[in-house]
Amino acid sequence: MWNASLESLVKRNVRGFGLIFRSTRPTTSDKPSSIWFFPDVDLIGIESCFSHKPPVLNYFDAEEVVEPFLWEQVSRFISEID
């Protein structure tokens, strides 16, 4: 199972404020080391950082995203890596 801790509630970066969850232990090539959420800016990003691949960002237009949709995507993403 993939375990993560909340790294930062308000992490400032180029996209604004967001949530960053980072793995609590070293990850293998098939497990992401972090997931980033940016629900309060124009784009919502979910980042998968694999040891053998560059970061991959999947974006959703925030105007088209309702909260249940976001959490459905997050739940599906996490279930795929568990």
PDB file of N, CA and C in Angstrom:
ATOM      1  N   MET A   1       0.836  -1.190   0.000  1.00  0.00           N
ATOM      2  CA  MET A   1       0.000   0.000   0.000  1.00  0.00           C
ATOM      3  C   MET A   1       0.879   1.251   0.000  1.00  0.00           C
ATOM      4  N   TRP A   2       0.404   2.266  -0.682  1.00  0.00           N
ATOM      5  CA  TRP A   2       1.143   3.532  -0.759  1.00  0.00           C
ATOM      6  C   TRP A   2       0.718   4.418   0.399  1.00  0.00           C
ATOM      7  N   ASN A   3       1.673   4.782   1.245  1.00  0.00           N
ATOM      8  CA  ASN A   3       1.386   5.644   2.389  1.00  0.00           C
ATOM      9  C   ASN A   3       1.968   7.020   2.140  1.00  0.00           C
ATOM     10  N   ALA A   4       1.222   8.026   2.546  1.00  0.00           N
ATOM     11  CA  ALA A   4       1.698   9.389   2.339  1.00  0.00           C
ATOM     12  C   ALA A   4       1.365  10.246   3.541  1.00  0.00           C
ATOM     13  N   SER A   5       2.112  11.296   3.681  1.00  0.00           N
ATOM     14  CA  SER A   5       1.817  12.274   4.719  1.00  0.00           C
ATOM     15  C   SER A   5       1.593  13.626   4.057  1.00  0.00           C
ATOM     16  N   LEU A   6       0.819  14.449   4.715  1.00  0.00           N
ATOM     17  CA  LEU A   6       0.591  15.784   4.189  1.00  0.00           C
ATOM     18  C   LEU A   6       1.849  16.602   4.425  1.00  0.00           C
ATOM     19  N   GLU A   7       2.501  16.980   3.342  1.00  0.00           N
ATOM     20  CA  GLU A   7       3.760  17.712   3.462  1.00  0.00           C
ATOM     21  C   GLU A   7       3.518  19.193   3.726  1.00  0.00           C
ATOM     22  N   SER A   8       2.545  19.748   3.058  1.00  0.00           N
ATOM     23  CA  SER A   8       2.323  21.180   3.210  1.00  0.00           C
ATOM     24  C   SER A   8       0.881  21.532   2.893  1.00  0.00           C
ATOM     25  N   LEU A   9       0.258  22.274   3.779  1.00  0.00           N
ATOM     26  CA  LEU A   9      -1.102  22.729   3.526  1.00  0.00           C
ATOM     27  C   LEU A   9      -1.123  23.902   2.560  1.00  0.00           C
ATOM     28  N   VAL A  10      -0.173  24.766   2.673  1.00  0.00           N
ATOM     29  CA  VAL A  10      -0.105  25.919   1.785  1.00  0.00           C
ATOM     30  C   VAL A  10       1.310  26.053   1.237  1.00  0.00           C
ATOM     31  N   LYS A  11       1.570  25.318   0.201  1.00  0.00           N
ATOM     32  CA  LYS A  11       2.883  25.339  -0.448  1.00  0.00           C
ATOM     33  C   LYS A  11       2.801  26.342  -1.595  1.00  0.00           C
ATOM     34  N   ARG A  12       3.607  27.351  -1.545  1.00  0.00           N
ATOM     35  CA  ARG A  12       3.574  28.378  -2.582  1.00  0.00           C
ATOM     36  C   ARG A  12       4.489  27.973  -3.731  1.00  0.00           C
ATOM     37  N   ASN A  13       3.969  28.044  -4.934  1.00  0.00           N
ATOM     38  CA  ASN A  13       4.787  27.798  -6.116  1.00  0.00           C
ATOM     39  C   ASN A  13       4.194  28.577  -7.283  1.00  0.00           C
ATOM     40  N   VAL A  14       4.624  28.271  -8.477  1.00  0.00           N
ATOM     41  CA  VAL A  14       4.192  29.050  -9.629  1.00  0.00           C
ATOM     42  C   VAL A  14       2.699  28.937  -9.899  1.00  0.00           C
ATOM     43  N   ARG A  15       2.075  27.897  -9.431  1.00  0.00           N
ATOM     44  CA  ARG A  15       0.650  27.713  -9.673  1.00  0.00           C
ATOM     45  C   ARG A  15      -0.210  28.254  -8.537  1.00  0.00           C
ATOM     46  N   GLY A  16       0.423  28.712  -7.481  1.00  0.00           N
ATOM     47  CA  GLY A  16      -0.363  29.220  -6.364  1.00  0.00           C
ATOM     48  C   GLY A  16      -0.249  28.314  -5.165  1.00  0.00           C
ATOM     49  N   PHE A  17      -1.301  28.293  -4.383  1.00  0.00           N
ATOM     50  CA  PHE A  17      -1.300  27.493  -3.168  1.00  0.00           C
ATOM     51  C   PHE A  17      -1.904  26.124  -3.438  1.00  0.00           C
ATOM     52  N   GLY A  18      -1.448  25.141  -2.702  1.00  0.00           N
ATOM     53  CA  GLY A  18      -1.994  23.810  -2.893  1.00  0.00           C
ATOM     54  C   GLY A  18      -1.616  22.882  -1.769  1.00  0.00           C
ATOM     55  N   LEU A  19      -1.954  21.635  -1.934  1.00  0.00           N
ATOM     56  CA  LEU A  19      -1.625  20.588  -0.977  1.00  0.00           C
ATOM     57  C   LEU A  19      -0.599  19.666  -1.606  1.00  0.00           C
ATOM     58  N   ILE A  20       0.376  19.258  -0.819  1.00  0.00           N
ATOM     59  CA  ILE A  20       1.370  18.311  -1.317  1.00  0.00           C
ATOM     60  C   ILE A  20       1.425  17.127  -0.362  1.00  0.00           C
ATOM     61  N   PHE A  21       1.145  15.948  -0.891  1.00  0.00           N
ATOM     62  CA  PHE A  21       1.277  14.717  -0.132  1.00  0.00           C
ATOM     63  C   PHE A  21       2.523  14.014  -0.629  1.00  0.00           C
ATOM     64  N   ARG A  22       3.388  13.592   0.289  1.00  0.00           N
ATOM     65  CA  ARG A  22       4.620  12.922  -0.120  1.00  0.00           C
ATOM     66  C   ARG A  22       4.728  11.576   0.582  1.00  0.00           C
ATOM     67  N   SER A  23       5.260  10.617  -0.129  1.00  0.00           N
ATOM     68  CA  SER A  23       5.410   9.276   0.424  1.00  0.00           C
ATOM     69  C   SER A  23       6.227   9.311   1.711  1.00  0.00           C
ATOM     70  N   THR A  24       5.827   8.490   2.662  1.00  0.00           N
ATOM     71  CA  THR A  24       6.511   8.454   3.954  1.00  0.00           C
ATOM     72  C   THR A  24       7.710   7.518   3.947  1.00  0.00           C
ATOM     73  N   ARG A  25       7.910   6.792   2.857  1.00  0.00           N
ATOM     74  CA  ARG A  25       9.065   5.903   2.761  1.00  0.00           C
ATOM     75  C   ARG A  25       9.556   5.886   1.317  1.00  0.00           C
ATOM     76  N   PRO A  26      10.764   5.398   1.087  1.00  0.00           N
ATOM     77  CA  PRO A  26      11.283   5.371  -0.289  1.00  0.00           C
ATOM     78  C   PRO A  26      10.337   4.608  -1.212  1.00  0.00           C
ATOM     79  N   THR A  27      10.179   5.123  -2.424  1.00  0.00           N
ATOM     80  CA  THR A  27       9.258   4.497  -3.362  1.00  0.00           C
ATOM     81  C   THR A  27      10.019   3.716  -4.420  1.00  0.00           C
ATOM     82  N   THR A  28       9.340   2.737  -4.965  1.00  0.00           N
ATOM     83  CA  THR A  28       9.900   1.959  -6.070  1.00  0.00           C
ATOM     84  C   THR A  28       9.486   2.616  -7.374  1.00  0.00           C
ATOM     85  N   SER A  29       9.919   2.055  -8.473  1.00  0.00           N
ATOM     86  CA  SER A  29       9.658   2.672  -9.772  1.00  0.00           C
ATOM     87  C   SER A  29       8.175   2.704 -10.129  1.00  0.00           C
ATOM     88  N   ASP A  30       7.364   1.852  -9.495  1.00  0.00           N
ATOM     89  CA  ASP A  30       5.942   1.835  -9.840  1.00  0.00           C
ATOM     90  C   ASP A  30       5.080   2.609  -8.850  1.00  0.00           C
ATOM     91  N   LYS A  31       5.690   3.330  -7.924  1.00  0.00           N
ATOM     92  CA  LYS A  31       4.930   4.106  -6.942  1.00  0.00           C
ATOM     93  C   LYS A  31       5.330   5.575  -7.010  1.00  0.00           C
ATOM     94  N   PRO A  32       4.363   6.481  -7.002  1.00  0.00           N
ATOM     95  CA  PRO A  32       4.708   7.897  -7.028  1.00  0.00           C
ATOM     96  C   PRO A  32       5.275   8.351  -5.697  1.00  0.00           C
ATOM     97  N   SER A  33       6.153   9.323  -5.745  1.00  0.00           N
ATOM     98  CA  SER A  33       6.716   9.853  -4.505  1.00  0.00           C
ATOM     99  C   SER A  33       5.897  11.011  -3.963  1.00  0.00           C
ATOM    100  N   SER A  34       5.083  11.607  -4.826  1.00  0.00           N
ATOM    101  CA  SER A  34       4.263  12.712  -4.339  1.00  0.00           C
ATOM    102  C   SER A  34       3.019  12.891  -5.188  1.00  0.00           C
ATOM    103  N   ILE A  35       2.011  13.490  -4.587  1.00  0.00           N
ATOM    104  CA  ILE A  35       0.793  13.889  -5.287  1.00  0.00           C
ATOM    105  C   ILE A  35       0.541  15.337  -4.895  1.00  0.00           C
ATOM    106  N   TRP A  36       0.309  16.188  -5.876  1.00  0.00           N
ATOM    107  CA  TRP A  36       0.062  17.605  -5.614  1.00  0.00           C
ATOM    108  C   TRP A  36      -1.369  17.946  -6.001  1.00  0.00           C
ATOM    109  N   PHE A  37      -2.056  18.678  -5.143  1.00  0.00           N
ATOM    110  CA  PHE A  37      -3.413  19.136  -5.427  1.00  0.00           C
ATOM    111  C   PHE A  37      -3.434  20.659  -5.402  1.00  0.00           C
ATOM    112  N   PHE A  38      -4.065  21.264  -6.392  1.00  0.00           N
ATOM    113  CA  PHE A  38      -4.199  22.715  -6.438  1.00  0.00           C
ATOM    114  C   PHE A  38      -5.666  23.069  -6.679  1.00  0.00           C
ATOM    115  N   PRO A  39      -6.514  22.914  -5.668  1.00  0.00           N
ATOM    116  CA  PRO A  39      -7.946  23.123  -5.872  1.00  0.00           C
ATOM    117  C   PRO A  39      -8.382  24.579  -5.903  1.00  0.00           C
ATOM    118  N   ASP A  40      -7.534  25.492  -5.466  1.00  0.00           N
ATOM    119  CA  ASP A  40      -7.961  26.884  -5.350  1.00  0.00           C
ATOM    120  C   ASP A  40      -7.359  27.794  -6.403  1.00  0.00           C
ATOM    121  N   VAL A  41      -6.837  27.215  -7.463  1.00  0.00           N
ATOM    122  CA  VAL A  41      -6.285  28.018  -8.545  1.00  0.00           C
ATOM    123  C   VAL A  41      -6.946  27.585  -9.844  1.00  0.00           C
ATOM    124  N   ASP A  42      -6.521  28.149 -10.964  1.00  0.00           N
ATOM    125  CA  ASP A  42      -7.180  27.888 -12.235  1.00  0.00           C
ATOM    126  C   ASP A  42      -7.090  26.435 -12.671  1.00  0.00           C
ATOM    127  N   LEU A  43      -6.001  25.785 -12.307  1.00  0.00           N
ATOM    128  CA  LEU A  43      -5.813  24.391 -12.696  1.00  0.00           C
ATOM    129  C   LEU A  43      -5.651  23.525 -11.462  1.00  0.00           C
ATOM    130  N   ILE A  44      -6.116  22.322 -11.563  1.00  0.00           N
ATOM    131  CA  ILE A  44      -5.917  21.334 -10.512  1.00  0.00           C
ATOM    132  C   ILE A  44      -4.922  20.331 -11.057  1.00  0.00           C
ATOM    133  N   GLY A  45      -3.826  20.157 -10.359  1.00  0.00           N
ATOM    134  CA  GLY A  45      -2.792  19.251 -10.846  1.00  0.00           C
ATOM    135  C   GLY A  45      -2.618  18.058  -9.935  1.00  0.00           C
ATOM    136  N   ILE A  46      -2.447  16.899 -10.532  1.00  0.00           N
ATOM    137  CA  ILE A  46      -2.098  15.689  -9.794  1.00  0.00           C
ATOM    138  C   ILE A  46      -0.766  15.239 -10.358  1.00  0.00           C
ATOM    139  N   GLU A  47       0.251  15.232  -9.533  1.00  0.00           N
ATOM    140  CA  GLU A  47       1.597  14.922 -10.004  1.00  0.00           C
ATOM    141  C   GLU A  47       2.007  13.531  -9.558  1.00  0.00           C
ATOM    142  N   SER A  48       2.529  12.741 -10.501  1.00  0.00           N
ATOM    143  CA  SER A  48       3.113  11.445 -10.188  1.00  0.00           C
ATOM    144  C   SER A  48       4.594  11.531 -10.480  1.00  0.00           C
ATOM    145  N   CYS A  49       5.411  11.352  -9.484  1.00  0.00           N
ATOM    146  CA  CYS A  49       6.859  11.366  -9.687  1.00  0.00           C
ATOM    147  C   CYS A  49       7.381   9.940  -9.551  1.00  0.00           C
ATOM    148  N   PHE A  50       7.775   9.360 -10.653  1.00  0.00           N
ATOM    149  CA  PHE A  50       8.321   8.020 -10.627  1.00  0.00           C
ATOM    150  C   PHE A  50       9.836   8.098 -10.725  1.00  0.00           C
ATOM    151  N   SER A  51      10.505   7.152 -10.131  1.00  0.00           N
ATOM    152  CA  SER A  51      11.966   7.202 -10.097  1.00  0.00           C
ATOM    153  C   SER A  51      12.582   7.061 -11.486  1.00  0.00           C
ATOM    154  N   HIS A  52      11.871   6.407 -12.409  1.00  0.00           N
ATOM    155  CA  HIS A  52      12.444   6.176 -13.730  1.00  0.00           C
ATOM    156  C   HIS A  52      11.822   7.059 -14.807  1.00  0.00           C
ATOM    157  N   LYS A  53      10.957   7.991 -14.409  1.00  0.00           N
ATOM    158  CA  LYS A  53      10.288   8.848 -15.387  1.00  0.00           C
ATOM    159  C   LYS A  53      10.289  10.289 -14.901  1.00  0.00           C
ATOM    160  N   PRO A  54      10.201  11.247 -15.831  1.00  0.00           N
ATOM    161  CA  PRO A  54      10.052  12.641 -15.407  1.00  0.00           C
ATOM    162  C   PRO A  54       8.660  12.843 -14.806  1.00  0.00           C
ATOM    163  N   PRO A  55       8.442  13.900 -14.033  1.00  0.00           N
ATOM    164  CA  PRO A  55       7.129  14.146 -13.460  1.00  0.00           C
ATOM    165  C   PRO A  55       6.053  14.239 -14.546  1.00  0.00           C
ATOM    166  N   VAL A  56       4.904  13.698 -14.250  1.00  0.00           N
ATOM    167  CA  VAL A  56       3.774  13.745 -15.166  1.00  0.00           C
ATOM    168  C   VAL A  56       2.670  14.538 -14.486  1.00  0.00           C
ATOM    169  N   LEU A  57       2.161  15.537 -15.167  1.00  0.00           N
ATOM    170  CA  LEU A  57       1.087  16.342 -14.594  1.00  0.00           C
ATOM    171  C   LEU A  57      -0.192  16.134 -15.387  1.00  0.00           C
ATOM    172  N   ASN A  58      -1.279  15.871 -14.691  1.00  0.00           N
ATOM    173  CA  ASN A  58      -2.596  15.797 -15.296  1.00  0.00           C
ATOM    174  C   ASN A  58      -3.391  16.983 -14.780  1.00  0.00           C
ATOM    175  N   TYR A  59      -3.880  17.805 -15.691  1.00  0.00           N
ATOM    176  CA  TYR A  59      -4.585  19.016 -15.281  1.00  0.00           C
ATOM    177  C   TYR A  59      -6.065  18.947 -15.631  1.00  0.00           C
ATOM    178  N   PHE A  60      -6.863  19.573 -14.797  1.00  0.00           N
ATOM    179  CA  PHE A  60      -8.282  19.728 -15.043  1.00  0.00           C
ATOM    180  C   PHE A  60      -8.591  21.211 -14.921  1.00  0.00           C
ATOM    181  N   ASP A  61      -9.421  21.731 -15.802  1.00  0.00           N
ATOM    182  CA  ASP A  61      -9.834  23.125 -15.708  1.00  0.00           C
ATOM    183  C   ASP A  61     -10.712  23.287 -14.478  1.00  0.00           C
ATOM    184  N   ALA A  62     -10.308  24.153 -13.573  1.00  0.00           N
ATOM    185  CA  ALA A  62     -11.014  24.290 -12.301  1.00  0.00           C
ATOM    186  C   ALA A  62     -12.458  24.739 -12.482  1.00  0.00           C
ATOM    187  N   GLU A  63     -12.742  25.490 -13.542  1.00  0.00           N
ATOM    188  CA  GLU A  63     -14.110  25.948 -13.763  1.00  0.00           C
ATOM    189  C   GLU A  63     -15.034  24.792 -14.098  1.00  0.00           C
ATOM    190  N   GLU A  64     -14.478  23.713 -14.624  1.00  0.00           N
ATOM    191  CA  GLU A  64     -15.291  22.566 -15.018  1.00  0.00           C
ATOM    192  C   GLU A  64     -15.301  21.477 -13.955  1.00  0.00           C
ATOM    193  N   VAL A  65     -14.590  21.692 -12.881  1.00  0.00           N
ATOM    194  CA  VAL A  65     -14.445  20.659 -11.863  1.00  0.00           C
ATOM    195  C   VAL A  65     -15.314  20.972 -10.654  1.00  0.00           C
ATOM    196  N   VAL A  66     -16.140  20.009 -10.291  1.00  0.00           N
ATOM    197  CA  VAL A  66     -16.892  20.111  -9.046  1.00  0.00           C
ATOM    198  C   VAL A  66     -16.202  19.205  -8.040  1.00  0.00           C
ATOM    199  N   GLU A  67     -16.387  19.480  -6.767  1.00  0.00           N
ATOM    200  CA  GLU A  67     -15.641  18.749  -5.745  1.00  0.00           C
ATOM    201  C   GLU A  67     -15.791  17.233  -5.844  1.00  0.00           C
ATOM    202  N   PRO A  68     -17.013  16.690  -6.043  1.00  0.00           N
ATOM    203  CA  PRO A  68     -17.119  15.228  -6.160  1.00  0.00           C
ATOM    204  C   PRO A  68     -16.273  14.665  -7.307  1.00  0.00           C
ATOM    205  N   PHE A  69     -16.201  15.408  -8.418  1.00  0.00           N
ATOM    206  CA  PHE A  69     -15.386  14.947  -9.543  1.00  0.00           C
ATOM    207  C   PHE A  69     -13.917  14.893  -9.155  1.00  0.00           C
ATOM    208  N   LEU A  70     -13.454  15.948  -8.468  1.00  0.00           N
ATOM    209  CA  LEU A  70     -12.053  15.982  -8.042  1.00  0.00           C
ATOM    210  C   LEU A  70     -11.728  14.788  -7.168  1.00  0.00           C
ATOM    211  N   TRP A  71     -12.553  14.540  -6.153  1.00  0.00           N
ATOM    212  CA  TRP A  71     -12.256  13.447  -5.230  1.00  0.00           C
ATOM    213  C   TRP A  71     -12.411  12.083  -5.895  1.00  0.00           C
ATOM    214  N   GLU A  72     -13.279  12.003  -6.895  1.00  0.00           N
ATOM    215  CA  GLU A  72     -13.374  10.757  -7.675  1.00  0.00           C
ATOM    216  C   GLU A  72     -12.058  10.501  -8.404  1.00  0.00           C
ATOM    217  N   GLN A  73     -11.502  11.556  -9.005  1.00  0.00           N
ATOM    218  CA  GLN A  73     -10.227  11.416  -9.703  1.00  0.00           C
ATOM    219  C   GLN A  73      -9.108  11.060  -8.735  1.00  0.00           C
ATOM    220  N   VAL A  74      -9.085  11.728  -7.593  1.00  0.00           N
ATOM    221  CA  VAL A  74      -8.056  11.461  -6.591  1.00  0.00           C
ATOM    222  C   VAL A  74      -8.164  10.030  -6.083  1.00  0.00           C
ATOM    223  N   SER A  75      -9.389   9.596  -5.776  1.00  0.00           N
ATOM    224  CA  SER A  75      -9.601   8.233  -5.272  1.00  0.00           C
ATOM    225  C   SER A  75      -9.176   7.196  -6.297  1.00  0.00           C
ATOM    226  N   ARG A  76      -9.535   7.437  -7.560  1.00  0.00           N
ATOM    227  CA  ARG A  76      -9.163   6.497  -8.615  1.00  0.00           C
ATOM    228  C   ARG A  76      -7.647   6.441  -8.762  1.00  0.00           C
ATOM    229  N   PHE A  77      -7.018   7.613  -8.736  1.00  0.00           N
ATOM    230  CA  PHE A  77      -5.566   7.686  -8.876  1.00  0.00           C
ATOM    231  C   PHE A  77      -4.874   6.918  -7.761  1.00  0.00           C
ATOM    232  N   ILE A  78      -5.322   7.136  -6.524  1.00  0.00           N
ATOM    233  CA  ILE A  78      -4.696   6.463  -5.385  1.00  0.00           C
ATOM    234  C   ILE A  78      -4.955   4.961  -5.436  1.00  0.00           C
ATOM    235  N   SER A  79      -6.163   4.555  -5.847  1.00  0.00           N
ATOM    236  CA  SER A  79      -6.466   3.122  -5.908  1.00  0.00           C
ATOM    237  C   SER A  79      -5.602   2.419  -6.949  1.00  0.00           C
ATOM    238  N   GLU A  80      -5.233   3.127  -8.006  1.00  0.00           N
ATOM    239  CA  GLU A  80      -4.392   2.531  -9.045  1.00  0.00           C
ATOM    240  C   GLU A  80      -2.960   2.309  -8.580  1.00  0.00           C
ATOM    241  N   ILE A  81      -2.517   3.079  -7.590  1.00  0.00           N
ATOM    242  CA  ILE A  81      -1.139   2.913  -7.135  1.00  0.00           C
ATOM    243  C   ILE A  81      -1.039   2.090  -5.865  1.00  0.00           C
ATOM    244  N   ASP A  82      -2.167   1.781  -5.254  1.00  0.00           N
ATOM    245  CA  ASP A  82      -2.145   0.954  -4.038  1.00  0.00           C
ATOM    246  C   ASP A  82      -1.793  -0.482  -4.379  1.00  0.00           C
TER     247      ASP A  82
END
